[in-house]
Amino acid sequence: MTNPDDTLLYKKRHNITINDIQHSLYYYFDYDERSFDINMPFQHFHSFYELMILISPQAYHLVEGIPYSIRSGDIVLLRPSVLHRSEYQKGAPSKRLIIGFLYPPSLWGMPETYQKLFEPFYSPLPIFRFPSKQQQLVNEKLNRIYRYSFQDEEPELKSLIVHGMFVEFLYTLRQLAPFNTYSNEPLKDEASQKIYTIANFIHNHYSEELTLDSLSREFYISPYYLSHQFKDVTGYTLTQYIQMTRIRNVQYLLLNTKKKISELAEECGFTSFSQFNRIFQKYCSQSPSEFRKDGGGNSIPTIL
């Protein structure tokens, strides 16, 4: 007899929304699909926690410049401010569930207790993959929320019940963490693996001086080879990638701190404030002060 929670329940374009991102308690469940044709051009960040659960056979998820191969049932865990993007395969659109959520710092006077639920999001490995028995438990918790979302209920009460169910899901995820079997599959192309290692280095050292020559010395490869291979693998020049990574981090700080813009530019590796303003305008089509005032607006700039 088939267990009803062997698979994750799914209905295209179904969503569950509780509050909005301006509230300190926020949920968004997005059951939908994405195709290769609309892969994001560059990694983005959120000011909230996010889970991505793949329902289709295979995809990739880049986290801080590292590509992770994921398959159906895998859970990508993303804490706030982490740069990431999904990369879907050619062919039929890929089904997935995205869950974004945000809790206030002192939810119901138990900040330390709630913080324990977030521990899986700070694991060195951002992907969870479980054996079938544990996967059923995960699906069971999520499917309860899915089924309940179709009930006719008072909005306030419905929000509370979904919150309670999701806390139970987070607790289950934390308890099952020791059963994680995920191991990232190294790319068969060693040249690409090297470039992604350099991309990850950029994500972790963007506040430092980074140049073609310095990275070539750090990774013992010629500047010419690095320049051409980096563009071939990532789709961006090395300079574009460094600038975009820095701009993304400035964006996050603009929205989540009250520091002066000049301080943020320096913290994120820009040595010239005029150069920073020019680059920010180029990638974001608005000034840093306008971006902060608008609360991010359309906060996914496009490489030109």
C-alpha atoms as a PDB file:
ATOM      1  CA  MET A   1       0.000   0.000   0.000  1.00  0.00           C
ATOM      2  CA  THR A   2       1.401   3.391  -1.003  1.00  0.00           C
ATOM      3  CA  ASN A   3       1.921   5.933   1.772  1.00  0.00           C
ATOM      4  CA  PRO A   4       0.139   9.223   0.840  1.00  0.00           C
ATOM      5  CA  ASP A   5       3.213  11.122   2.005  1.00  0.00           C
ATOM      6  CA  ASP A   6       5.690   9.242  -0.186  1.00  0.00           C
ATOM      7  CA  THR A   7       5.597  12.279  -2.476  1.00  0.00           C
ATOM      8  CA  LEU A   8       5.242  15.987  -1.903  1.00  0.00           C
ATOM      9  CA  LEU A   9       1.792  17.271  -2.824  1.00  0.00           C
ATOM     10  CA  TYR A  10       1.836  19.887  -5.556  1.00  0.00           C
ATOM     11  CA  LYS A  11      -0.530  22.082  -7.543  1.00  0.00           C
ATOM     12  CA  LYS A  12       0.882  24.450 -10.144  1.00  0.00           C
ATOM     13  CA  ARG A  13       0.654  28.137  -9.193  1.00  0.00           C
ATOM     14  CA  HIS A  14      -0.758  27.365  -5.755  1.00  0.00           C
ATOM     15  CA  ASN A  15       0.564  29.689  -3.067  1.00  0.00           C
ATOM     16  CA  ILE A  16       0.087  30.386   0.613  1.00  0.00           C
ATOM     17  CA  THR A  17       0.809  33.898   1.859  1.00  0.00           C
ATOM     18  CA  ILE A  18       0.788  35.144   5.446  1.00  0.00           C
ATOM     19  CA  ASN A  19       1.409  38.873   5.859  1.00  0.00           C
ATOM     20  CA  ASP A  20       3.977  40.514   3.591  1.00  0.00           C
ATOM     21  CA  ILE A  21       7.700  41.118   3.771  1.00  0.00           C
ATOM     22  CA  GLN A  22       7.159  44.391   5.646  1.00  0.00           C
ATOM     23  CA  HIS A  23       5.816  42.399   8.618  1.00  0.00           C
ATOM     24  CA  SER A  24       8.182  40.730  11.047  1.00  0.00           C
ATOM     25  CA  LEU A  25       6.206  37.462  10.810  1.00  0.00           C
ATOM     26  CA  TYR A  26       5.973  36.401   7.178  1.00  0.00           C
ATOM     27  CA  TYR A  27       5.365  33.247   5.135  1.00  0.00           C
ATOM     28  CA  TYR A  28       5.214  32.576   1.410  1.00  0.00           C
ATOM     29  CA  PHE A  29       4.774  29.107  -0.103  1.00  0.00           C
ATOM     30  CA  ASP A  30       5.112  29.053  -3.886  1.00  0.00           C
ATOM     31  CA  TYR A  31       4.202  25.840  -5.706  1.00  0.00           C
ATOM     32  CA  ASP A  32       5.204  26.425  -9.310  1.00  0.00           C
ATOM     33  CA  GLU A  33       7.621  25.488 -12.067  1.00  0.00           C
ATOM     34  CA  ARG A  34      10.563  27.127 -13.796  1.00  0.00           C
ATOM     35  CA  SER A  35      12.285  26.406 -17.086  1.00  0.00           C
ATOM     36  CA  PHE A  36      15.797  26.660 -18.443  1.00  0.00           C
ATOM     37  CA  ASP A  37      14.753  29.679 -20.529  1.00  0.00           C
ATOM     38  CA  ILE A  38      14.196  31.857 -17.452  1.00  0.00           C
ATOM     39  CA  ASN A  39      17.215  30.902 -15.367  1.00  0.00           C
ATOM     40  CA  MET A  40      18.289  33.943 -13.350  1.00  0.00           C
ATOM     41  CA  PRO A  41      21.309  35.722 -14.845  1.00  0.00           C
ATOM     42  CA  PHE A  42      23.091  36.194 -11.519  1.00  0.00           C
ATOM     43  CA  GLN A  43      22.812  35.174  -7.901  1.00  0.00           C
ATOM     44  CA  HIS A  44      20.428  37.119  -5.665  1.00  0.00           C
ATOM     45  CA  PHE A  45      19.733  37.348  -1.928  1.00  0.00           C
ATOM     46  CA  HIS A  46      16.788  37.683   0.443  1.00  0.00           C
ATOM     47  CA  SER A  47      16.332  39.360   3.790  1.00  0.00           C
ATOM     48  CA  PHE A  48      14.423  36.285   4.970  1.00  0.00           C
ATOM     49  CA  TYR A  49      14.999  32.546   5.271  1.00  0.00           C
ATOM     50  CA  GLU A  50      14.254  30.422   2.224  1.00  0.00           C
ATOM     51  CA  LEU A  51      13.772  26.740   1.448  1.00  0.00           C
ATOM     52  CA  MET A  52      13.815  25.377  -2.089  1.00  0.00           C
ATOM     53  CA  ILE A  53      12.519  21.816  -2.522  1.00  0.00           C
ATOM     54  CA  LEU A  54      12.929  20.264  -5.946  1.00  0.00           C
ATOM     55  CA  ILE A  55      10.027  18.116  -7.186  1.00  0.00           C
ATOM     56  CA  SER A  56      11.435  17.453 -10.675  1.00  0.00           C
ATOM     57  CA  PRO A  57      14.264  14.967 -11.371  1.00  0.00           C
ATOM     58  CA  GLN A  58      17.325  17.248 -11.439  1.00  0.00           C
ATOM     59  CA  ALA A  59      18.626  20.810 -11.284  1.00  0.00           C
ATOM     60  CA  TYR A  60      21.567  22.825  -9.957  1.00  0.00           C
ATOM     61  CA  HIS A  61      21.605  25.391  -7.202  1.00  0.00           C
ATOM     62  CA  LEU A  62      24.471  27.845  -6.878  1.00  0.00           C
ATOM     63  CA  VAL A  63      25.210  29.023  -3.319  1.00  0.00           C
ATOM     64  CA  GLU A  64      27.946  31.616  -2.896  1.00  0.00           C
ATOM     65  CA  GLY A  65      29.396  30.609  -6.254  1.00  0.00           C
ATOM     66  CA  ILE A  66      29.410  26.846  -5.629  1.00  0.00           C
ATOM     67  CA  PRO A  67      27.192  24.666  -7.879  1.00  0.00           C
ATOM     68  CA  TYR A  68      25.284  21.908  -6.065  1.00  0.00           C
ATOM     69  CA  SER A  69      23.632  19.131  -8.046  1.00  0.00           C
ATOM     70  CA  ILE A  70      20.160  18.459  -6.622  1.00  0.00           C
ATOM     71  CA  ARG A  71      17.500  15.865  -7.346  1.00  0.00           C
ATOM     72  CA  SER A  72      13.835  15.390  -6.482  1.00  0.00           C
ATOM     73  CA  GLY A  73      13.226  15.709  -2.745  1.00  0.00           C
ATOM     74  CA  ASP A  74      16.425  17.591  -1.965  1.00  0.00           C
ATOM     75  CA  ILE A  75      16.016  20.641   0.265  1.00  0.00           C
ATOM     76  CA  VAL A  76      18.142  23.755  -0.241  1.00  0.00           C
ATOM     77  CA  LEU A  77      18.393  25.785   2.984  1.00  0.00           C
ATOM     78  CA  LEU A  78      19.234  29.467   2.638  1.00  0.00           C
ATOM     79  CA  ARG A  79      19.713  31.882   5.504  1.00  0.00           C
ATOM     80  CA  PRO A  80      19.248  35.642   4.964  1.00  0.00           C
ATOM     81  CA  SER A  81      21.811  37.481   2.789  1.00  0.00           C
ATOM     82  CA  VAL A  82      23.252  34.352   1.124  1.00  0.00           C
ATOM     83  CA  LEU A  83      23.787  34.818  -2.606  1.00  0.00           C
ATOM     84  CA  HIS A  84      22.225  32.018  -4.624  1.00  0.00           C
ATOM     85  CA  ARG A  85      20.328  31.053  -7.751  1.00  0.00           C
ATOM     86  CA  SER A  86      18.642  27.987  -9.224  1.00  0.00           C
ATOM     87  CA  GLU A  87      19.689  26.607 -12.583  1.00  0.00           C
ATOM     88  CA  TYR A  88      17.115  24.384 -14.249  1.00  0.00           C
ATOM     89  CA  GLN A  89      17.684  21.827 -16.984  1.00  0.00           C
ATOM     90  CA  LYS A  90      16.688  22.080 -20.641  1.00  0.00           C
ATOM     91  CA  GLY A  91      13.437  20.369 -21.571  1.00  0.00           C
ATOM     92  CA  ALA A  92      10.203  20.236 -19.595  1.00  0.00           C
ATOM     93  CA  PRO A  93       9.776  22.911 -16.875  1.00  0.00           C
ATOM     94  CA  SER A  94      10.964  21.898 -13.405  1.00  0.00           C
ATOM     95  CA  LYS A  95       8.469  21.708 -10.548  1.00  0.00           C
ATOM     96  CA  ARG A  96       9.603  23.076  -7.207  1.00  0.00           C
ATOM     97  CA  LEU A  97       8.349  24.434  -3.890  1.00  0.00           C
ATOM     98  CA  ILE A  98       9.836  27.676  -2.573  1.00  0.00           C
ATOM     99  CA  ILE A  99       9.161  28.661   1.038  1.00  0.00           C
ATOM    100  CA  GLY A 100      10.193  32.089   2.281  1.00  0.00           C
ATOM    101  CA  PHE A 101       9.676  32.993   5.919  1.00  0.00           C
ATOM    102  CA  LEU A 102      10.700  35.562   8.494  1.00  0.00           C
ATOM    103  CA  TYR A 103      10.263  35.628  12.257  1.00  0.00           C
ATOM    104  CA  PRO A 104      10.581  38.660  14.550  1.00  0.00           C
ATOM    105  CA  PRO A 105      13.731  38.627  16.726  1.00  0.00           C
ATOM    106  CA  SER A 106      11.788  38.092  19.966  1.00  0.00           C
ATOM    107  CA  LEU A 107       8.864  35.976  18.802  1.00  0.00           C
ATOM    108  CA  TRP A 108       6.591  35.416  21.810  1.00  0.00           C
ATOM    109  CA  GLY A 109       9.455  36.103  24.189  1.00  0.00           C
ATOM    110  CA  MET A 110      11.407  32.978  23.160  1.00  0.00           C
ATOM    111  CA  PRO A 111      14.184  34.207  20.830  1.00  0.00           C
ATOM    112  CA  GLU A 112      16.760  31.614  21.953  1.00  0.00           C
ATOM    113  CA  THR A 113      14.295  28.744  21.546  1.00  0.00           C
ATOM    114  CA  TYR A 114      13.329  29.826  18.035  1.00  0.00           C
ATOM    115  CA  GLN A 115      16.984  30.313  17.126  1.00  0.00           C
ATOM    116  CA  LYS A 116      17.557  26.595  17.694  1.00  0.00           C
ATOM    117  CA  LEU A 117      15.095  25.855  14.899  1.00  0.00           C
ATOM    118  CA  PHE A 118      17.308  27.779  12.467  1.00  0.00           C
ATOM    119  CA  GLU A 119      20.453  25.722  13.122  1.00  0.00           C
ATOM    120  CA  PRO A 120      20.113  23.665   9.893  1.00  0.00           C
ATOM    121  CA  PHE A 121      20.315  26.913   7.890  1.00  0.00           C
ATOM    122  CA  TYR A 122      23.812  27.526   9.269  1.00  0.00           C
ATOM    123  CA  SER A 123      25.128  24.081   8.432  1.00  0.00           C
ATOM    124  CA  PRO A 124      28.337  24.081   6.323  1.00  0.00           C
ATOM    125  CA  LEU A 125      26.413  22.040   3.743  1.00  0.00           C
ATOM    126  CA  PRO A 126      23.298  23.919   2.532  1.00  0.00           C
ATOM    127  CA  ILE A 127      21.537  20.870   1.014  1.00  0.00           C
ATOM    128  CA  PHE A 128      19.585  18.160   2.851  1.00  0.00           C
ATOM    129  CA  ARG A 129      18.890  14.751   1.299  1.00  0.00           C
ATOM    130  CA  PHE A 130      17.176  12.097   3.390  1.00  0.00           C
ATOM    131  CA  PRO A 131      16.616   8.321   3.173  1.00  0.00           C
ATOM    132  CA  SER A 132      13.022   7.353   2.297  1.00  0.00           C
ATOM    133  CA  LYS A 133      11.842   6.925   5.904  1.00  0.00           C
ATOM    134  CA  GLN A 134      13.016  10.404   6.941  1.00  0.00           C
ATOM    135  CA  GLN A 135      11.833  11.894   3.642  1.00  0.00           C
ATOM    136  CA  GLN A 136       8.325  10.650   4.404  1.00  0.00           C
ATOM    137  CA  LEU A 137       8.377  12.527   7.722  1.00  0.00           C
ATOM    138  CA  VAL A 138       9.420  15.727   5.952  1.00  0.00           C
ATOM    139  CA  ASN A 139       6.733  15.314   3.292  1.00  0.00           C
ATOM    140  CA  GLU A 140       4.122  14.542   5.931  1.00  0.00           C
ATOM    141  CA  LYS A 141       4.714  17.882   7.686  1.00  0.00           C
ATOM    142  CA  LEU A 142       4.641  19.877   4.453  1.00  0.00           C
ATOM    143  CA  ASN A 143       1.632  18.021   3.067  1.00  0.00           C
ATOM    144  CA  ARG A 144      -0.342  18.840   6.217  1.00  0.00           C
ATOM    145  CA  ILE A 145       0.204  22.535   5.486  1.00  0.00           C
ATOM    146  CA  TYR A 146      -0.695  22.036   1.826  1.00  0.00           C
ATOM    147  CA  ARG A 147      -3.971  20.256   2.628  1.00  0.00           C
ATOM    148  CA  TYR A 148      -4.918  22.753   5.314  1.00  0.00           C
ATOM    149  CA  SER A 149      -4.316  25.695   2.965  1.00  0.00           C
ATOM    150  CA  PHE A 150      -7.430  24.701   0.977  1.00  0.00           C
ATOM    151  CA  GLN A 151      -9.736  24.840   4.008  1.00  0.00           C
ATOM    152  CA  ASP A 152     -12.186  27.678   4.451  1.00  0.00           C
ATOM    153  CA  GLU A 153     -11.019  29.266   7.691  1.00  0.00           C
ATOM    154  CA  GLU A 154     -10.809  32.684   9.329  1.00  0.00           C
ATOM    155  CA  PRO A 155      -7.629  34.361   7.989  1.00  0.00           C
ATOM    156  CA  GLU A 156      -6.187  35.147  11.437  1.00  0.00           C
ATOM    157  CA  LEU A 157      -6.785  31.635  12.719  1.00  0.00           C
ATOM    158  CA  LYS A 158      -5.491  30.110   9.486  1.00  0.00           C
ATOM    159  CA  SER A 159      -2.256  32.100   9.812  1.00  0.00           C
ATOM    160  CA  LEU A 160      -1.761  30.860  13.367  1.00  0.00           C
ATOM    161  CA  ILE A 161      -2.364  27.217  12.428  1.00  0.00           C
ATOM    162  CA  VAL A 162       0.019  27.369   9.450  1.00  0.00           C
ATOM    163  CA  HIS A 163       2.638  28.963  11.697  1.00  0.00           C
ATOM    164  CA  GLY A 164       2.249  26.163  14.246  1.00  0.00           C
ATOM    165  CA  MET A 165       2.506  23.485  11.563  1.00  0.00           C
ATOM    166  CA  PHE A 166       5.594  25.099  10.060  1.00  0.00           C
ATOM    167  CA  VAL A 167       7.332  25.332  13.441  1.00  0.00           C
ATOM    168  CA  GLU A 168       6.710  21.593  13.761  1.00  0.00           C
ATOM    169  CA  PHE A 169       8.254  21.123  10.291  1.00  0.00           C
ATOM    170  CA  LEU A 170      11.356  23.133  11.281  1.00  0.00           C
ATOM    171  CA  TYR A 171      11.688  21.056  14.439  1.00  0.00           C
ATOM    172  CA  THR A 172      11.474  17.863  12.375  1.00  0.00           C
ATOM    173  CA  LEU A 173      14.122  19.173   9.974  1.00  0.00           C
ATOM    174  CA  ARG A 174      16.441  19.922  12.897  1.00  0.00           C
ATOM    175  CA  GLN A 175      15.885  16.461  14.409  1.00  0.00           C
ATOM    176  CA  LEU A 176      16.555  14.745  11.080  1.00  0.00           C
ATOM    177  CA  ALA A 177      19.732  16.711  10.279  1.00  0.00           C
ATOM    178  CA  PRO A 178      22.019  13.810  11.386  1.00  0.00           C
ATOM    179  CA  PHE A 179      20.382  11.640   8.693  1.00  0.00           C
ATOM    180  CA  ASN A 180      21.464  13.979   5.875  1.00  0.00           C
ATOM    181  CA  THR A 181      23.102  11.883   3.155  1.00  0.00           C
ATOM    182  CA  TYR A 182      23.824  14.662   0.660  1.00  0.00           C
ATOM    183  CA  SER A 183      27.272  14.723  -0.885  1.00  0.00           C
ATOM    184  CA  ASN A 184      27.944  17.172  -3.681  1.00  0.00           C
ATOM    185  CA  GLU A 185      29.007  15.553  -6.899  1.00  0.00           C
ATOM    186  CA  PRO A 186      32.199  17.179  -8.210  1.00  0.00           C
ATOM    187  CA  LEU A 187      31.998  18.482 -11.739  1.00  0.00           C
ATOM    188  CA  LYS A 188      33.542  16.131 -14.276  1.00  0.00           C
ATOM    189  CA  ASP A 189      35.096  19.127 -15.975  1.00  0.00           C
ATOM    190  CA  GLU A 190      38.106  19.968 -13.783  1.00  0.00           C
ATOM    191  CA  ALA A 191      38.529  23.372 -15.444  1.00  0.00           C
ATOM    192  CA  SER A 192      34.977  24.358 -14.485  1.00  0.00           C
ATOM    193  CA  GLN A 193      35.504  23.032 -10.962  1.00  0.00           C
ATOM    194  CA  LYS A 194      38.547  25.300 -10.658  1.00  0.00           C
ATOM    195  CA  ILE A 195      36.580  28.343 -11.833  1.00  0.00           C
ATOM    196  CA  TYR A 196      33.760  27.683  -9.360  1.00  0.00           C
ATOM    197  CA  THR A 197      36.356  27.374  -6.596  1.00  0.00           C
ATOM    198  CA  ILE A 198      37.620  30.832  -7.576  1.00  0.00           C
ATOM    199  CA  ALA A 199      34.042  32.149  -7.689  1.00  0.00           C
ATOM    200  CA  ASN A 200      33.495  30.906  -4.139  1.00  0.00           C
ATOM    201  CA  PHE A 201      36.758  32.563  -3.088  1.00  0.00           C
ATOM    202  CA  ILE A 202      35.416  35.854  -4.469  1.00  0.00           C
ATOM    203  CA  HIS A 203      32.220  35.466  -2.422  1.00  0.00           C
ATOM    204  CA  ASN A 204      34.260  34.976   0.733  1.00  0.00           C
ATOM    205  CA  HIS A 205      36.865  37.691   0.054  1.00  0.00           C
ATOM    206  CA  TYR A 206      34.909  40.383  -1.820  1.00  0.00           C
ATOM    207  CA  SER A 207      35.902  43.028   0.762  1.00  0.00           C
ATOM    208  CA  GLU A 208      39.581  42.535  -0.105  1.00  0.00           C
ATOM    209  CA  GLU A 209      41.542  43.693  -3.125  1.00  0.00           C
ATOM    210  CA  LEU A 210      40.752  41.283  -5.954  1.00  0.00           C
ATOM    211  CA  THR A 211      42.357  41.519  -9.363  1.00  0.00           C
ATOM    212  CA  LEU A 212      43.069  39.212 -12.253  1.00  0.00           C
ATOM    213  CA  ASP A 213      46.743  39.078 -11.267  1.00  0.00           C
ATOM    214  CA  SER A 214      46.129  38.464  -7.560  1.00  0.00           C
ATOM    215  CA  LEU A 215      43.661  35.634  -8.238  1.00  0.00           C
ATOM    216  CA  SER A 216      46.001  34.120 -10.812  1.00  0.00           C
ATOM    217  CA  ARG A 217      48.766  34.016  -8.209  1.00  0.00           C
ATOM    218  CA  GLU A 218      46.418  32.658  -5.527  1.00  0.00           C
ATOM    219  CA  PHE A 219      45.311  29.750  -7.708  1.00  0.00           C
ATOM    220  CA  TYR A 220      48.507  29.187  -9.708  1.00  0.00           C
ATOM    221  CA  ILE A 221      47.029  29.738 -13.155  1.00  0.00           C
ATOM    222  CA  SER A 222      47.892  32.212 -15.888  1.00  0.00           C
ATOM    223  CA  PRO A 223      45.934  35.490 -16.093  1.00  0.00           C
ATOM    224  CA  TYR A 224      45.079  34.771 -19.735  1.00  0.00           C
ATOM    225  CA  TYR A 225      43.685  31.319 -18.939  1.00  0.00           C
ATOM    226  CA  LEU A 226      41.718  32.595 -15.930  1.00  0.00           C
ATOM    227  CA  SER A 227      40.229  35.476 -17.879  1.00  0.00           C
ATOM    228  CA  HIS A 228      38.973  33.315 -20.744  1.00  0.00           C
ATOM    229  CA  GLN A 229      37.889  30.314 -18.675  1.00  0.00           C
ATOM    230  CA  PHE A 230      36.005  32.451 -16.156  1.00  0.00           C
ATOM    231  CA  LYS A 231      33.880  34.019 -18.898  1.00  0.00           C
ATOM    232  CA  ASP A 232      33.272  30.659 -20.566  1.00  0.00           C
ATOM    233  CA  VAL A 233      32.123  28.974 -17.331  1.00  0.00           C
ATOM    234  CA  THR A 234      30.159  31.727 -15.544  1.00  0.00           C
ATOM    235  CA  GLY A 235      29.029  33.874 -18.460  1.00  0.00           C
ATOM    236  CA  TYR A 236      30.627  36.961 -16.920  1.00  0.00           C
ATOM    237  CA  THR A 237      34.035  38.541 -17.073  1.00  0.00           C
ATOM    238  CA  LEU A 238      36.035  38.305 -13.866  1.00  0.00           C
ATOM    239  CA  THR A 239      35.621  42.051 -13.305  1.00  0.00           C
ATOM    240  CA  GLN A 240      31.838  41.858 -13.765  1.00  0.00           C
ATOM    241  CA  TYR A 241      31.592  38.969 -11.317  1.00  0.00           C
ATOM    242  CA  ILE A 242      33.627  40.747  -8.640  1.00  0.00           C
ATOM    243  CA  GLN A 243      31.659  43.960  -9.067  1.00  0.00           C
ATOM    244  CA  MET A 244      28.310  42.187  -9.017  1.00  0.00           C
ATOM    245  CA  THR A 245      29.181  40.218  -5.894  1.00  0.00           C
ATOM    246  CA  ARG A 246      30.190  43.425  -4.135  1.00  0.00           C
ATOM    247  CA  ILE A 247      27.058  45.255  -5.296  1.00  0.00           C
ATOM    248  CA  ARG A 248      24.839  42.429  -4.048  1.00  0.00           C
ATOM    249  CA  ASN A 249      26.410  42.658  -0.609  1.00  0.00           C
ATOM    250  CA  VAL A 250      26.079  46.439  -0.573  1.00  0.00           C
ATOM    251  CA  GLN A 251      22.394  46.021  -1.460  1.00  0.00           C
ATOM    252  CA  TYR A 252      21.827  43.745   1.516  1.00  0.00           C
ATOM    253  CA  LEU A 253      23.556  46.157   3.890  1.00  0.00           C
ATOM    254  CA  LEU A 254      21.648  49.133   2.477  1.00  0.00           C
ATOM    255  CA  LEU A 255      18.381  47.409   3.339  1.00  0.00           C
ATOM    256  CA  ASN A 256      19.424  45.936   6.677  1.00  0.00           C
ATOM    257  CA  THR A 257      21.705  48.517   8.305  1.00  0.00           C
ATOM    258  CA  LYS A 258      21.687  52.276   8.831  1.00  0.00           C
ATOM    259  CA  LYS A 259      25.378  52.764   8.080  1.00  0.00           C
ATOM    260  CA  LYS A 260      26.496  55.524   5.764  1.00  0.00           C
ATOM    261  CA  ILE A 261      26.653  54.550   2.112  1.00  0.00           C
ATOM    262  CA  SER A 262      30.325  55.480   1.901  1.00  0.00           C
ATOM    263  CA  GLU A 263      31.077  53.093   4.786  1.00  0.00           C
ATOM    264  CA  LEU A 264      29.214  50.258   3.102  1.00  0.00           C
ATOM    265  CA  ALA A 265      31.038  50.821  -0.172  1.00  0.00           C
ATOM    266  CA  GLU A 266      34.387  50.587   1.599  1.00  0.00           C
ATOM    267  CA  GLU A 267      33.316  47.510   3.615  1.00  0.00           C
ATOM    268  CA  CYS A 268      32.409  45.716   0.397  1.00  0.00           C
ATOM    269  CA  GLY A 269      35.720  46.319  -1.327  1.00  0.00           C
ATOM    270  CA  PHE A 270      35.258  49.564  -3.289  1.00  0.00           C
ATOM    271  CA  THR A 271      38.270  51.833  -2.937  1.00  0.00           C
ATOM    272  CA  SER A 272      36.761  54.756  -4.845  1.00  0.00           C
ATOM    273  CA  PHE A 273      33.361  56.152  -3.834  1.00  0.00           C
ATOM    274  CA  SER A 274      32.808  57.760  -7.237  1.00  0.00           C
ATOM    275  CA  GLN A 275      33.585  54.433  -8.925  1.00  0.00           C
ATOM    276  CA  PHE A 276      31.181  52.684  -6.561  1.00  0.00           C
ATOM    277  CA  ASN A 277      28.351  55.102  -7.400  1.00  0.00           C
ATOM    278  CA  ARG A 278      28.956  54.641 -11.110  1.00  0.00           C
ATOM    279  CA  ILE A 279      28.961  50.832 -10.878  1.00  0.00           C
ATOM    280  CA  PHE A 280      25.901  50.742  -8.632  1.00  0.00           C
ATOM    281  CA  GLN A 281      23.987  52.948 -11.083  1.00  0.00           C
ATOM    282  CA  LYS A 282      25.075  50.754 -13.982  1.00  0.00           C
ATOM    283  CA  TYR A 283      23.855  47.501 -12.458  1.00  0.00           C
ATOM    284  CA  CYS A 284      20.835  48.759 -10.505  1.00  0.00           C
ATOM    285  CA  SER A 285      19.595  51.653 -12.689  1.00  0.00           C
ATOM    286  CA  GLN A 286      19.315  53.858  -9.602  1.00  0.00           C
ATOM    287  CA  SER A 287      21.586  55.404  -6.986  1.00  0.00           C
ATOM    288  CA  PRO A 288      22.375  53.671  -3.669  1.00  0.00           C
ATOM    289  CA  SER A 289      20.323  56.264  -1.761  1.00  0.00           C
ATOM    290  CA  GLU A 290      17.326  55.701  -4.073  1.00  0.00           C
ATOM    291  CA  PHE A 291      17.683  51.938  -3.633  1.00  0.00           C
ATOM    292  CA  ARG A 292      17.640  52.316   0.161  1.00  0.00           C
ATOM    293  CA  LYS A 293      14.715  54.736   0.084  1.00  0.00           C
ATOM    294  CA  ASP A 294      12.684  52.400  -2.160  1.00  0.00           C
ATOM    295  CA  GLY A 295      13.347  49.472   0.151  1.00  0.00           C
ATOM    296  CA  GLY A 296      15.047  47.601  -2.662  1.00  0.00           C
ATOM    297  CA  GLY A 297      12.354  48.093  -5.275  1.00  0.00           C
ATOM    298  CA  ASN A 298      13.195  45.756  -8.088  1.00  0.00           C
ATOM    299  CA  SER A 299      16.246  44.400  -6.286  1.00  0.00           C
ATOM    300  CA  ILE A 300      17.426  42.027  -8.998  1.00  0.00           C
ATOM    301  CA  PRO A 301      19.753  44.113 -11.163  1.00  0.00           C
ATOM    302  CA  THR A 302      20.744  42.811 -14.574  1.00  0.00           C
ATOM    303  CA  ILE A 303      24.255  42.658 -15.937  1.00  0.00           C
ATOM    304  CA  LEU A 304      24.382  44.931 -18.968  1.00  0.00           C
END
